Amino acid sequence: MKSQGRGTTPGPTNFVYFHAAGKIDIQTSSQAAEALKPVAGELAFAIFALGIIGTGLLAIPVLAGSAAYALGEARRWKTGLARKPEAAKAFYATIVVATLVGTGISFSPIDPIKALFWSAVLNGVVAAPVMAIMMMMATNKIVMGRFEIRGYLKIVGWIATAVMAAASIVMFIAGFMGG
């Protein structure tokens, strides 16, 4: 992950910090931890490791569960953690498979830093269309009934959606123009 400020960093905050610290070519997690030394001192590696492990421990069950819910709802399976595994076999099987795949990636030759970067990019690009669909649903009386959003919530929601779309467009333009 080259941190050169042209749409190739996970975020502008990371770019500013790493660039100010003189770290503009972060390729490994070890280099990212080393870049934290000016702020965290000798504890940089321990703090970075705790952050990565904590993020992984939080991410794997959340991603596995969300995948199981998404697939289960799309396939009209019985879903929910409140159900016993015997009552929702496909749902729980999806959680197990997603957890194993997520864990297996750790033992594969896939570069975890690049995987994190590209998953963040993908999430950012997908966010605007998902937000637009959610806003269309949330502002639709037929869909939401008496819970339809109006007023300032509607305005703020559409502004946030526009900002996400603009950020994705700027990222693509910066990436293609090299600046």
N, C-alpha and C. Protein backbone atom coordinates (compact mmCIF):
# COMPACT_ATOMS: atom_id res chain seq x y z
N MET A 1 0.87 -1.17 0.00
CA MET A 1 0.00 0.00 0.00
C MET A 1 0.90 1.21 0.00
N LYS A 2 0.98 1.87 -1.11
CA LYS A 2 1.80 3.07 -1.19
C LYS A 2 0.97 4.24 -0.72
N SER A 3 1.50 4.94 0.21
CA SER A 3 0.79 6.04 0.84
C SER A 3 1.20 7.35 0.19
N GLN A 4 0.73 7.58 -1.04
CA GLN A 4 1.14 8.77 -1.77
C GLN A 4 -0.01 9.74 -1.96
N GLY A 5 -1.11 9.56 -1.26
CA GLY A 5 -2.19 10.52 -1.27
C GLY A 5 -2.98 10.60 -2.56
N ARG A 6 -2.96 9.59 -3.40
CA ARG A 6 -3.70 9.66 -4.64
C ARG A 6 -4.75 8.56 -4.72
N GLY A 7 -5.50 8.42 -3.66
CA GLY A 7 -6.58 7.43 -3.66
C GLY A 7 -6.08 6.03 -3.38
N THR A 8 -4.86 5.89 -2.91
CA THR A 8 -4.35 4.55 -2.66
C THR A 8 -4.13 4.29 -1.18
N THR A 9 -4.68 5.12 -0.32
CA THR A 9 -4.57 4.88 1.11
C THR A 9 -5.96 4.62 1.66
N PRO A 10 -6.07 3.91 2.78
CA PRO A 10 -7.38 3.65 3.35
C PRO A 10 -8.12 4.91 3.76
N GLY A 11 -7.44 6.00 3.99
CA GLY A 11 -8.14 7.22 4.34
C GLY A 11 -7.19 8.39 4.45
N PRO A 12 -7.74 9.60 4.34
CA PRO A 12 -6.88 10.78 4.40
C PRO A 12 -6.17 10.94 5.73
N THR A 13 -6.78 10.51 6.82
CA THR A 13 -6.13 10.62 8.12
C THR A 13 -4.86 9.77 8.16
N ASN A 14 -4.96 8.54 7.66
CA ASN A 14 -3.79 7.67 7.62
C ASN A 14 -2.70 8.28 6.76
N PHE A 15 -3.09 8.82 5.62
CA PHE A 15 -2.11 9.44 4.73
C PHE A 15 -1.38 10.57 5.43
N VAL A 16 -2.13 11.46 6.07
CA VAL A 16 -1.52 12.62 6.73
C VAL A 16 -0.57 12.16 7.82
N TYR A 17 -0.99 11.20 8.65
CA TYR A 17 -0.13 10.75 9.74
C TYR A 17 1.13 10.08 9.18
N PHE A 18 0.97 9.10 8.30
CA PHE A 18 2.12 8.37 7.80
C PHE A 18 3.06 9.28 7.02
N HIS A 19 2.50 10.19 6.23
CA HIS A 19 3.34 11.11 5.47
C HIS A 19 4.13 12.01 6.40
N ALA A 20 3.48 12.53 7.43
CA ALA A 20 4.17 13.39 8.40
C ALA A 20 5.26 12.63 9.13
N ALA A 21 5.05 11.33 9.34
CA ALA A 21 6.04 10.50 10.03
C ALA A 21 7.13 10.03 9.08
N GLY A 22 7.05 10.44 7.79
CA GLY A 22 8.06 10.03 6.81
C GLY A 22 7.85 8.64 6.28
N LYS A 23 6.70 8.04 6.55
CA LYS A 23 6.41 6.68 6.09
C LYS A 23 5.47 6.78 4.90
N ILE A 24 6.02 6.69 3.70
CA ILE A 24 5.17 6.84 2.53
C ILE A 24 5.07 5.57 1.70
N ASP A 25 5.68 4.51 2.15
CA ASP A 25 5.62 3.25 1.41
C ASP A 25 5.38 2.11 2.39
N ILE A 26 4.15 1.99 2.88
CA ILE A 26 3.79 0.97 3.85
C ILE A 26 3.36 -0.29 3.09
N GLN A 27 4.15 -1.34 3.20
CA GLN A 27 3.86 -2.59 2.49
C GLN A 27 3.45 -3.72 3.42
N THR A 28 3.83 -3.65 4.69
CA THR A 28 3.56 -4.76 5.60
C THR A 28 2.99 -4.23 6.91
N SER A 29 2.41 -5.15 7.67
CA SER A 29 1.89 -4.75 8.98
C SER A 29 3.04 -4.34 9.91
N SER A 30 4.20 -4.93 9.74
CA SER A 30 5.36 -4.55 10.54
C SER A 30 5.76 -3.10 10.27
N GLN A 31 5.72 -2.69 9.01
CA GLN A 31 6.03 -1.31 8.67
C GLN A 31 4.98 -0.35 9.23
N ALA A 32 3.70 -0.77 9.22
CA ALA A 32 2.64 0.07 9.78
C ALA A 32 2.85 0.26 11.28
N ALA A 33 3.22 -0.82 11.97
CA ALA A 33 3.49 -0.73 13.41
C ALA A 33 4.71 0.16 13.67
N GLU A 34 5.72 0.01 12.86
CA GLU A 34 6.93 0.84 12.99
C GLU A 34 6.59 2.32 12.82
N ALA A 35 5.64 2.62 11.92
CA ALA A 35 5.25 4.01 11.68
C ALA A 35 4.56 4.62 12.90
N LEU A 36 4.06 3.78 13.79
CA LEU A 36 3.39 4.28 14.99
C LEU A 36 4.37 4.62 16.11
N LYS A 37 5.63 4.27 15.95
CA LYS A 37 6.62 4.50 17.01
C LYS A 37 6.70 5.94 17.49
N PRO A 38 6.63 6.94 16.62
CA PRO A 38 6.70 8.32 17.12
C PRO A 38 5.57 8.67 18.10
N VAL A 39 4.44 8.01 17.97
CA VAL A 39 3.30 8.29 18.84
C VAL A 39 3.26 7.33 20.02
N ALA A 40 3.51 6.04 19.77
CA ALA A 40 3.35 5.01 20.80
C ALA A 40 4.65 4.56 21.43
N GLY A 41 5.78 5.00 20.90
CA GLY A 41 7.07 4.60 21.46
C GLY A 41 7.33 3.12 21.32
N GLU A 42 7.95 2.55 22.36
CA GLU A 42 8.32 1.14 22.32
C GLU A 42 7.10 0.21 22.35
N LEU A 43 5.95 0.74 22.71
CA LEU A 43 4.73 -0.07 22.75
C LEU A 43 4.03 -0.15 21.40
N ALA A 44 4.60 0.45 20.36
CA ALA A 44 3.97 0.53 19.05
C ALA A 44 3.56 -0.85 18.54
N PHE A 45 4.47 -1.83 18.60
CA PHE A 45 4.16 -3.16 18.06
C PHE A 45 3.07 -3.84 18.88
N ALA A 46 3.13 -3.71 20.20
CA ALA A 46 2.11 -4.33 21.06
C ALA A 46 0.75 -3.69 20.82
N ILE A 47 0.72 -2.37 20.73
CA ILE A 47 -0.55 -1.67 20.50
C ILE A 47 -1.11 -2.03 19.12
N PHE A 48 -0.23 -2.06 18.12
CA PHE A 48 -0.68 -2.43 16.77
C PHE A 48 -1.21 -3.86 16.75
N ALA A 49 -0.49 -4.78 17.40
CA ALA A 49 -0.92 -6.18 17.44
C ALA A 49 -2.26 -6.32 18.15
N LEU A 50 -2.43 -5.63 19.28
CA LEU A 50 -3.71 -5.69 19.99
C LEU A 50 -4.84 -5.14 19.12
N GLY A 51 -4.55 -4.08 18.39
CA GLY A 51 -5.57 -3.50 17.49
C GLY A 51 -5.96 -4.46 16.38
N ILE A 52 -4.97 -5.09 15.77
CA ILE A 52 -5.24 -6.03 14.68
C ILE A 52 -5.99 -7.26 15.21
N ILE A 53 -5.52 -7.81 16.32
CA ILE A 53 -6.18 -8.99 16.90
C ILE A 53 -7.60 -8.64 17.33
N GLY A 54 -7.76 -7.50 18.00
CA GLY A 54 -9.09 -7.07 18.43
C GLY A 54 -10.03 -6.86 17.26
N THR A 55 -9.52 -6.23 16.21
CA THR A 55 -10.33 -6.01 15.02
C THR A 55 -10.74 -7.34 14.40
N GLY A 56 -9.80 -8.26 14.33
CA GLY A 56 -10.12 -9.59 13.77
C GLY A 56 -11.15 -10.33 14.61
N LEU A 57 -10.98 -10.27 15.93
CA LEU A 57 -11.93 -10.96 16.80
C LEU A 57 -13.32 -10.35 16.70
N LEU A 58 -13.39 -9.06 16.43
CA LEU A 58 -14.69 -8.43 16.24
C LEU A 58 -15.23 -8.67 14.82
N ALA A 59 -14.34 -8.62 13.85
CA ALA A 59 -14.78 -8.69 12.45
C ALA A 59 -15.26 -10.06 12.03
N ILE A 60 -14.56 -11.11 12.41
CA ILE A 60 -14.93 -12.44 11.92
C ILE A 60 -16.36 -12.82 12.29
N PRO A 61 -16.77 -12.74 13.56
CA PRO A 61 -18.16 -13.12 13.84
C PRO A 61 -19.18 -12.15 13.24
N VAL A 62 -18.85 -10.88 13.17
CA VAL A 62 -19.78 -9.91 12.59
C VAL A 62 -19.96 -10.19 11.10
N LEU A 63 -18.85 -10.39 10.39
CA LEU A 63 -18.94 -10.65 8.96
C LEU A 63 -19.59 -12.01 8.68
N ALA A 64 -19.25 -13.01 9.47
CA ALA A 64 -19.87 -14.33 9.28
C ALA A 64 -21.37 -14.25 9.55
N GLY A 65 -21.74 -13.57 10.61
CA GLY A 65 -23.16 -13.43 10.94
C GLY A 65 -23.91 -12.63 9.90
N SER A 66 -23.32 -11.53 9.44
CA SER A 66 -24.02 -10.72 8.44
C SER A 66 -24.14 -11.47 7.12
N ALA A 67 -23.12 -12.25 6.78
CA ALA A 67 -23.21 -13.07 5.56
C ALA A 67 -24.33 -14.11 5.71
N ALA A 68 -24.42 -14.71 6.88
CA ALA A 68 -25.46 -15.72 7.11
C ALA A 68 -26.85 -15.09 7.04
N TYR A 69 -27.01 -13.92 7.65
CA TYR A 69 -28.31 -13.24 7.59
C TYR A 69 -28.65 -12.84 6.15
N ALA A 70 -27.68 -12.26 5.43
CA ALA A 70 -27.94 -11.82 4.06
C ALA A 70 -28.31 -13.00 3.16
N LEU A 71 -27.52 -14.06 3.23
CA LEU A 71 -27.79 -15.23 2.41
C LEU A 71 -29.10 -15.90 2.83
N GLY A 72 -29.30 -16.01 4.14
CA GLY A 72 -30.52 -16.64 4.65
C GLY A 72 -31.77 -15.89 4.27
N GLU A 73 -31.74 -14.56 4.36
CA GLU A 73 -32.91 -13.76 3.98
C GLU A 73 -33.16 -13.86 2.48
N ALA A 74 -32.09 -13.82 1.69
CA ALA A 74 -32.23 -13.92 0.23
C ALA A 74 -32.77 -15.28 -0.18
N ARG A 75 -32.36 -16.32 0.54
CA ARG A 75 -32.79 -17.69 0.20
C ARG A 75 -34.06 -18.10 0.96
N ARG A 76 -34.55 -17.19 1.81
CA ARG A 76 -35.76 -17.43 2.61
C ARG A 76 -35.61 -18.61 3.58
N TRP A 77 -34.40 -18.70 4.15
CA TRP A 77 -34.14 -19.71 5.16
C TRP A 77 -34.66 -19.22 6.50
N LYS A 78 -34.78 -20.12 7.42
CA LYS A 78 -35.04 -19.74 8.81
C LYS A 78 -33.72 -19.18 9.33
N THR A 79 -33.76 -17.94 9.81
CA THR A 79 -32.53 -17.29 10.27
C THR A 79 -32.70 -16.77 11.68
N GLY A 80 -31.59 -16.51 12.31
CA GLY A 80 -31.60 -15.87 13.61
C GLY A 80 -30.82 -16.64 14.66
N LEU A 81 -30.06 -15.90 15.43
CA LEU A 81 -29.28 -16.52 16.50
C LEU A 81 -30.16 -16.96 17.66
N ALA A 82 -31.39 -16.48 17.69
CA ALA A 82 -32.32 -16.91 18.73
C ALA A 82 -32.84 -18.33 18.46
N ARG A 83 -32.71 -18.77 17.21
CA ARG A 83 -33.15 -20.13 16.85
C ARG A 83 -32.07 -21.13 17.24
N LYS A 84 -32.49 -22.30 17.57
CA LYS A 84 -31.54 -23.38 17.85
C LYS A 84 -30.95 -23.85 16.52
N PRO A 85 -29.69 -24.32 16.54
CA PRO A 85 -29.05 -24.75 15.29
C PRO A 85 -29.86 -25.79 14.50
N GLU A 86 -30.59 -26.67 15.20
CA GLU A 86 -31.38 -27.67 14.49
C GLU A 86 -32.52 -27.02 13.69
N ALA A 87 -32.97 -25.85 14.13
CA ALA A 87 -34.10 -25.18 13.48
C ALA A 87 -33.64 -24.25 12.35
N ALA A 88 -32.36 -23.99 12.27
CA ALA A 88 -31.83 -23.07 11.24
C ALA A 88 -30.49 -23.60 10.75
N LYS A 89 -30.49 -24.82 10.25
CA LYS A 89 -29.25 -25.49 9.87
C LYS A 89 -28.45 -24.73 8.81
N ALA A 90 -29.11 -24.28 7.76
CA ALA A 90 -28.40 -23.58 6.68
C ALA A 90 -27.81 -22.26 7.19
N PHE A 91 -28.53 -21.57 8.04
CA PHE A 91 -28.07 -20.31 8.61
C PHE A 91 -26.79 -20.54 9.42
N TYR A 92 -26.82 -21.49 10.31
CA TYR A 92 -25.64 -21.77 11.14
C TYR A 92 -24.50 -22.36 10.32
N ALA A 93 -24.83 -23.15 9.29
CA ALA A 93 -23.78 -23.69 8.42
C ALA A 93 -23.07 -22.55 7.69
N THR A 94 -23.83 -21.54 7.29
CA THR A 94 -23.22 -20.39 6.63
C THR A 94 -22.27 -19.66 7.57
N ILE A 95 -22.65 -19.52 8.83
CA ILE A 95 -21.76 -18.89 9.81
C ILE A 95 -20.47 -19.69 9.95
N VAL A 96 -20.59 -21.00 10.03
CA VAL A 96 -19.41 -21.85 10.17
C VAL A 96 -18.51 -21.73 8.93
N VAL A 97 -19.10 -21.83 7.75
CA VAL A 97 -18.31 -21.77 6.52
C VAL A 97 -17.65 -20.39 6.38
N ALA A 98 -18.39 -19.32 6.64
CA ALA A 98 -17.82 -17.97 6.54
C ALA A 98 -16.69 -17.78 7.54
N THR A 99 -16.84 -18.32 8.74
CA THR A 99 -15.78 -18.22 9.76
C THR A 99 -14.54 -18.99 9.31
N LEU A 100 -14.74 -20.18 8.76
CA LEU A 100 -13.61 -20.99 8.29
C LEU A 100 -12.90 -20.31 7.11
N VAL A 101 -13.67 -19.74 6.19
CA VAL A 101 -13.06 -19.04 5.06
C VAL A 101 -12.28 -17.83 5.56
N GLY A 102 -12.88 -17.05 6.46
CA GLY A 102 -12.19 -15.89 7.02
C GLY A 102 -10.91 -16.27 7.73
N THR A 103 -10.96 -17.35 8.50
CA THR A 103 -9.78 -17.83 9.21
C THR A 103 -8.75 -18.39 8.22
N GLY A 104 -9.24 -19.10 7.22
CA GLY A 104 -8.35 -19.70 6.21
C GLY A 104 -7.57 -18.67 5.43
N ILE A 105 -8.17 -17.51 5.21
CA ILE A 105 -7.47 -16.45 4.49
C ILE A 105 -6.19 -16.05 5.23
N SER A 106 -6.22 -16.16 6.55
CA SER A 106 -5.03 -15.83 7.35
C SER A 106 -3.86 -16.74 7.02
N PHE A 107 -4.15 -17.96 6.60
CA PHE A 107 -3.09 -18.92 6.30
C PHE A 107 -2.79 -19.02 4.81
N SER A 108 -3.40 -18.15 4.02
CA SER A 108 -3.19 -18.17 2.58
C SER A 108 -2.11 -17.16 2.21
N PRO A 109 -1.67 -17.19 0.96
CA PRO A 109 -0.65 -16.22 0.53
C PRO A 109 -1.21 -14.81 0.27
N ILE A 110 -2.50 -14.60 0.53
CA ILE A 110 -3.10 -13.28 0.32
C ILE A 110 -2.48 -12.29 1.30
N ASP A 111 -2.02 -11.15 0.78
CA ASP A 111 -1.41 -10.11 1.61
C ASP A 111 -2.52 -9.45 2.43
N PRO A 112 -2.46 -9.57 3.77
CA PRO A 112 -3.55 -9.04 4.60
C PRO A 112 -3.69 -7.53 4.52
N ILE A 113 -2.60 -6.81 4.33
CA ILE A 113 -2.67 -5.36 4.23
C ILE A 113 -3.39 -4.96 2.95
N LYS A 114 -3.05 -5.62 1.84
CA LYS A 114 -3.74 -5.33 0.59
C LYS A 114 -5.21 -5.75 0.67
N ALA A 115 -5.47 -6.87 1.32
CA ALA A 115 -6.86 -7.32 1.47
C ALA A 115 -7.68 -6.32 2.28
N LEU A 116 -7.11 -5.81 3.37
CA LEU A 116 -7.79 -4.79 4.16
C LEU A 116 -8.02 -3.52 3.33
N PHE A 117 -7.01 -3.12 2.60
CA PHE A 117 -7.12 -1.92 1.78
C PHE A 117 -8.24 -2.08 0.75
N TRP A 118 -8.21 -3.18 -0.02
CA TRP A 118 -9.20 -3.35 -1.08
C TRP A 118 -10.60 -3.58 -0.53
N SER A 119 -10.70 -4.21 0.63
CA SER A 119 -12.04 -4.36 1.22
C SER A 119 -12.57 -3.01 1.67
N ALA A 120 -11.69 -2.13 2.17
CA ALA A 120 -12.12 -0.77 2.55
C ALA A 120 -12.55 0.01 1.31
N VAL A 121 -11.81 -0.12 0.22
CA VAL A 121 -12.17 0.56 -1.02
C VAL A 121 -13.52 0.05 -1.52
N LEU A 122 -13.69 -1.27 -1.53
CA LEU A 122 -14.95 -1.86 -1.98
C LEU A 122 -16.12 -1.40 -1.11
N ASN A 123 -15.93 -1.40 0.20
CA ASN A 123 -16.99 -0.92 1.10
C ASN A 123 -17.34 0.53 0.82
N GLY A 124 -16.34 1.35 0.57
CA GLY A 124 -16.59 2.76 0.27
C GLY A 124 -17.36 2.96 -1.02
N VAL A 125 -17.03 2.16 -2.04
CA VAL A 125 -17.70 2.28 -3.33
C VAL A 125 -19.14 1.77 -3.25
N VAL A 126 -19.34 0.69 -2.53
CA VAL A 126 -20.67 0.09 -2.41
C VAL A 126 -21.58 0.90 -1.48
N ALA A 127 -20.99 1.66 -0.57
CA ALA A 127 -21.77 2.39 0.43
C ALA A 127 -22.77 3.36 -0.19
N ALA A 128 -22.37 4.14 -1.20
CA ALA A 128 -23.27 5.15 -1.77
C ALA A 128 -24.52 4.53 -2.39
N PRO A 129 -24.41 3.51 -3.24
CA PRO A 129 -25.64 2.91 -3.79
C PRO A 129 -26.52 2.27 -2.70
N VAL A 130 -25.89 1.64 -1.72
CA VAL A 130 -26.68 1.05 -0.62
C VAL A 130 -27.39 2.14 0.16
N MET A 131 -26.68 3.23 0.44
CA MET A 131 -27.31 4.35 1.15
C MET A 131 -28.45 4.94 0.34
N ALA A 132 -28.29 5.05 -0.98
CA ALA A 132 -29.35 5.59 -1.83
C ALA A 132 -30.59 4.70 -1.79
N ILE A 133 -30.39 3.40 -1.86
CA ILE A 133 -31.53 2.47 -1.78
C ILE A 133 -32.21 2.57 -0.42
N MET A 134 -31.40 2.65 0.64
CA MET A 134 -31.98 2.79 1.98
C MET A 134 -32.76 4.09 2.11
N MET A 135 -32.24 5.17 1.55
CA MET A 135 -32.95 6.45 1.62
C MET A 135 -34.26 6.38 0.83
N MET A 136 -34.24 5.74 -0.33
CA MET A 136 -35.47 5.61 -1.11
C MET A 136 -36.51 4.81 -0.33
N MET A 137 -36.06 3.77 0.35
CA MET A 137 -36.99 2.97 1.15
C MET A 137 -37.47 3.73 2.37
N ALA A 138 -36.54 4.41 3.06
CA ALA A 138 -36.88 5.10 4.30
C ALA A 138 -37.80 6.29 4.07
N THR A 139 -37.80 6.84 2.86
CA THR A 139 -38.66 7.99 2.56
C THR A 139 -39.93 7.58 1.82
N ASN A 140 -40.16 6.29 1.69
CA ASN A 140 -41.33 5.78 0.98
C ASN A 140 -42.41 5.38 1.98
N LYS A 141 -43.54 6.06 1.91
CA LYS A 141 -44.66 5.81 2.82
C LYS A 141 -45.18 4.37 2.68
N ILE A 142 -45.17 3.84 1.47
CA ILE A 142 -45.66 2.48 1.25
C ILE A 142 -44.78 1.47 1.98
N VAL A 143 -43.48 1.68 1.94
CA VAL A 143 -42.54 0.77 2.59
C VAL A 143 -42.50 0.97 4.10
N MET A 144 -42.43 2.21 4.53
CA MET A 144 -42.19 2.52 5.94
C MET A 144 -43.45 2.81 6.76
N GLY A 145 -44.56 3.07 6.09
CA GLY A 145 -45.77 3.39 6.84
C GLY A 145 -45.59 4.64 7.68
N ARG A 146 -45.99 4.56 8.94
CA ARG A 146 -45.89 5.74 9.80
C ARG A 146 -44.45 6.06 10.22
N PHE A 147 -43.50 5.20 9.89
CA PHE A 147 -42.10 5.42 10.25
C PHE A 147 -41.30 6.08 9.12
N GLU A 148 -41.97 6.50 8.07
CA GLU A 148 -41.31 7.19 6.96
C GLU A 148 -40.53 8.40 7.50
N ILE A 149 -39.28 8.55 7.04
CA ILE A 149 -38.51 9.70 7.53
C ILE A 149 -38.84 10.93 6.71
N ARG A 150 -38.81 12.07 7.41
CA ARG A 150 -39.12 13.35 6.78
C ARG A 150 -38.19 14.41 7.34
N GLY A 151 -38.40 15.62 6.85
CA GLY A 151 -37.72 16.78 7.41
C GLY A 151 -36.21 16.68 7.39
N TYR A 152 -35.62 17.07 8.53
CA TYR A 152 -34.15 17.15 8.60
C TYR A 152 -33.48 15.78 8.46
N LEU A 153 -34.12 14.70 8.90
CA LEU A 153 -33.52 13.37 8.73
C LEU A 153 -33.41 13.01 7.26
N LYS A 154 -34.42 13.37 6.50
CA LYS A 154 -34.39 13.11 5.07
C LYS A 154 -33.28 13.92 4.40
N ILE A 155 -33.17 15.18 4.77
CA ILE A 155 -32.14 16.06 4.20
C ILE A 155 -30.74 15.56 4.56
N VAL A 156 -30.53 15.28 5.84
CA VAL A 156 -29.21 14.81 6.30
C VAL A 156 -28.86 13.47 5.64
N GLY A 157 -29.83 12.59 5.51
CA GLY A 157 -29.60 11.30 4.87
C GLY A 157 -29.17 11.44 3.43
N TRP A 158 -29.84 12.31 2.68
CA TRP A 158 -29.47 12.50 1.28
C TRP A 158 -28.13 13.23 1.15
N ILE A 159 -27.84 14.14 2.07
CA ILE A 159 -26.53 14.82 2.04
C ILE A 159 -25.42 13.80 2.29
N ALA A 160 -25.60 12.93 3.29
CA ALA A 160 -24.59 11.90 3.58
C ALA A 160 -24.41 10.98 2.39
N THR A 161 -25.50 10.63 1.72
CA THR A 161 -25.42 9.77 0.53
C THR A 161 -24.65 10.48 -0.58
N ALA A 162 -24.93 11.76 -0.79
CA ALA A 162 -24.23 12.54 -1.82
C ALA A 162 -22.74 12.66 -1.50
N VAL A 163 -22.40 12.86 -0.23
CA VAL A 163 -21.00 12.96 0.17
C VAL A 163 -20.28 11.64 -0.10
N MET A 164 -20.91 10.52 0.22
CA MET A 164 -20.29 9.21 -0.04
C MET A 164 -20.09 8.99 -1.54
N ALA A 165 -21.09 9.36 -2.34
CA ALA A 165 -20.98 9.21 -3.79
C ALA A 165 -19.86 10.11 -4.33
N ALA A 166 -19.80 11.34 -3.85
CA ALA A 166 -18.75 12.27 -4.29
C ALA A 166 -17.37 11.74 -3.92
N ALA A 167 -17.23 11.19 -2.71
CA ALA A 167 -15.94 10.65 -2.28
C ALA A 167 -15.50 9.50 -3.19
N SER A 168 -16.43 8.65 -3.58
CA SER A 168 -16.09 7.55 -4.49
C SER A 168 -15.68 8.07 -5.85
N ILE A 169 -16.40 9.06 -6.34
CA ILE A 169 -16.08 9.63 -7.65
C ILE A 169 -14.70 10.29 -7.61
N VAL A 170 -14.43 11.06 -6.57
CA VAL A 170 -13.12 11.71 -6.44
C VAL A 170 -12.01 10.67 -6.36
N MET A 171 -12.26 9.57 -5.62
CA MET A 171 -11.25 8.52 -5.51
C MET A 171 -10.94 7.94 -6.89
N PHE A 172 -11.99 7.66 -7.70
CA PHE A 172 -11.76 7.11 -9.03
C PHE A 172 -11.03 8.10 -9.93
N ILE A 173 -11.44 9.36 -9.89
CA ILE A 173 -10.78 10.37 -10.71
C ILE A 173 -9.31 10.50 -10.32
N ALA A 174 -9.05 10.57 -9.01
CA ALA A 174 -7.67 10.69 -8.54
C ALA A 174 -6.86 9.46 -8.93
N GLY A 175 -7.47 8.30 -8.85
CA GLY A 175 -6.77 7.06 -9.21
C GLY A 175 -6.43 6.99 -10.68
N PHE A 176 -7.36 7.43 -11.53
CA PHE A 176 -7.12 7.37 -12.97
C PHE A 176 -6.20 8.48 -13.46
N MET A 177 -6.24 9.61 -12.79
CA MET A 177 -5.41 10.73 -13.21
C MET A 177 -4.04 10.71 -12.54
N GLY A 178 -3.87 9.79 -11.57
CA GLY A 178 -2.58 9.66 -10.91
C GLY A 178 -2.25 10.79 -9.96
N GLY A 179 -3.24 11.49 -9.47
CA GLY A 179 -2.93 12.59 -8.57
C GLY A 179 -3.89 12.77 -7.54
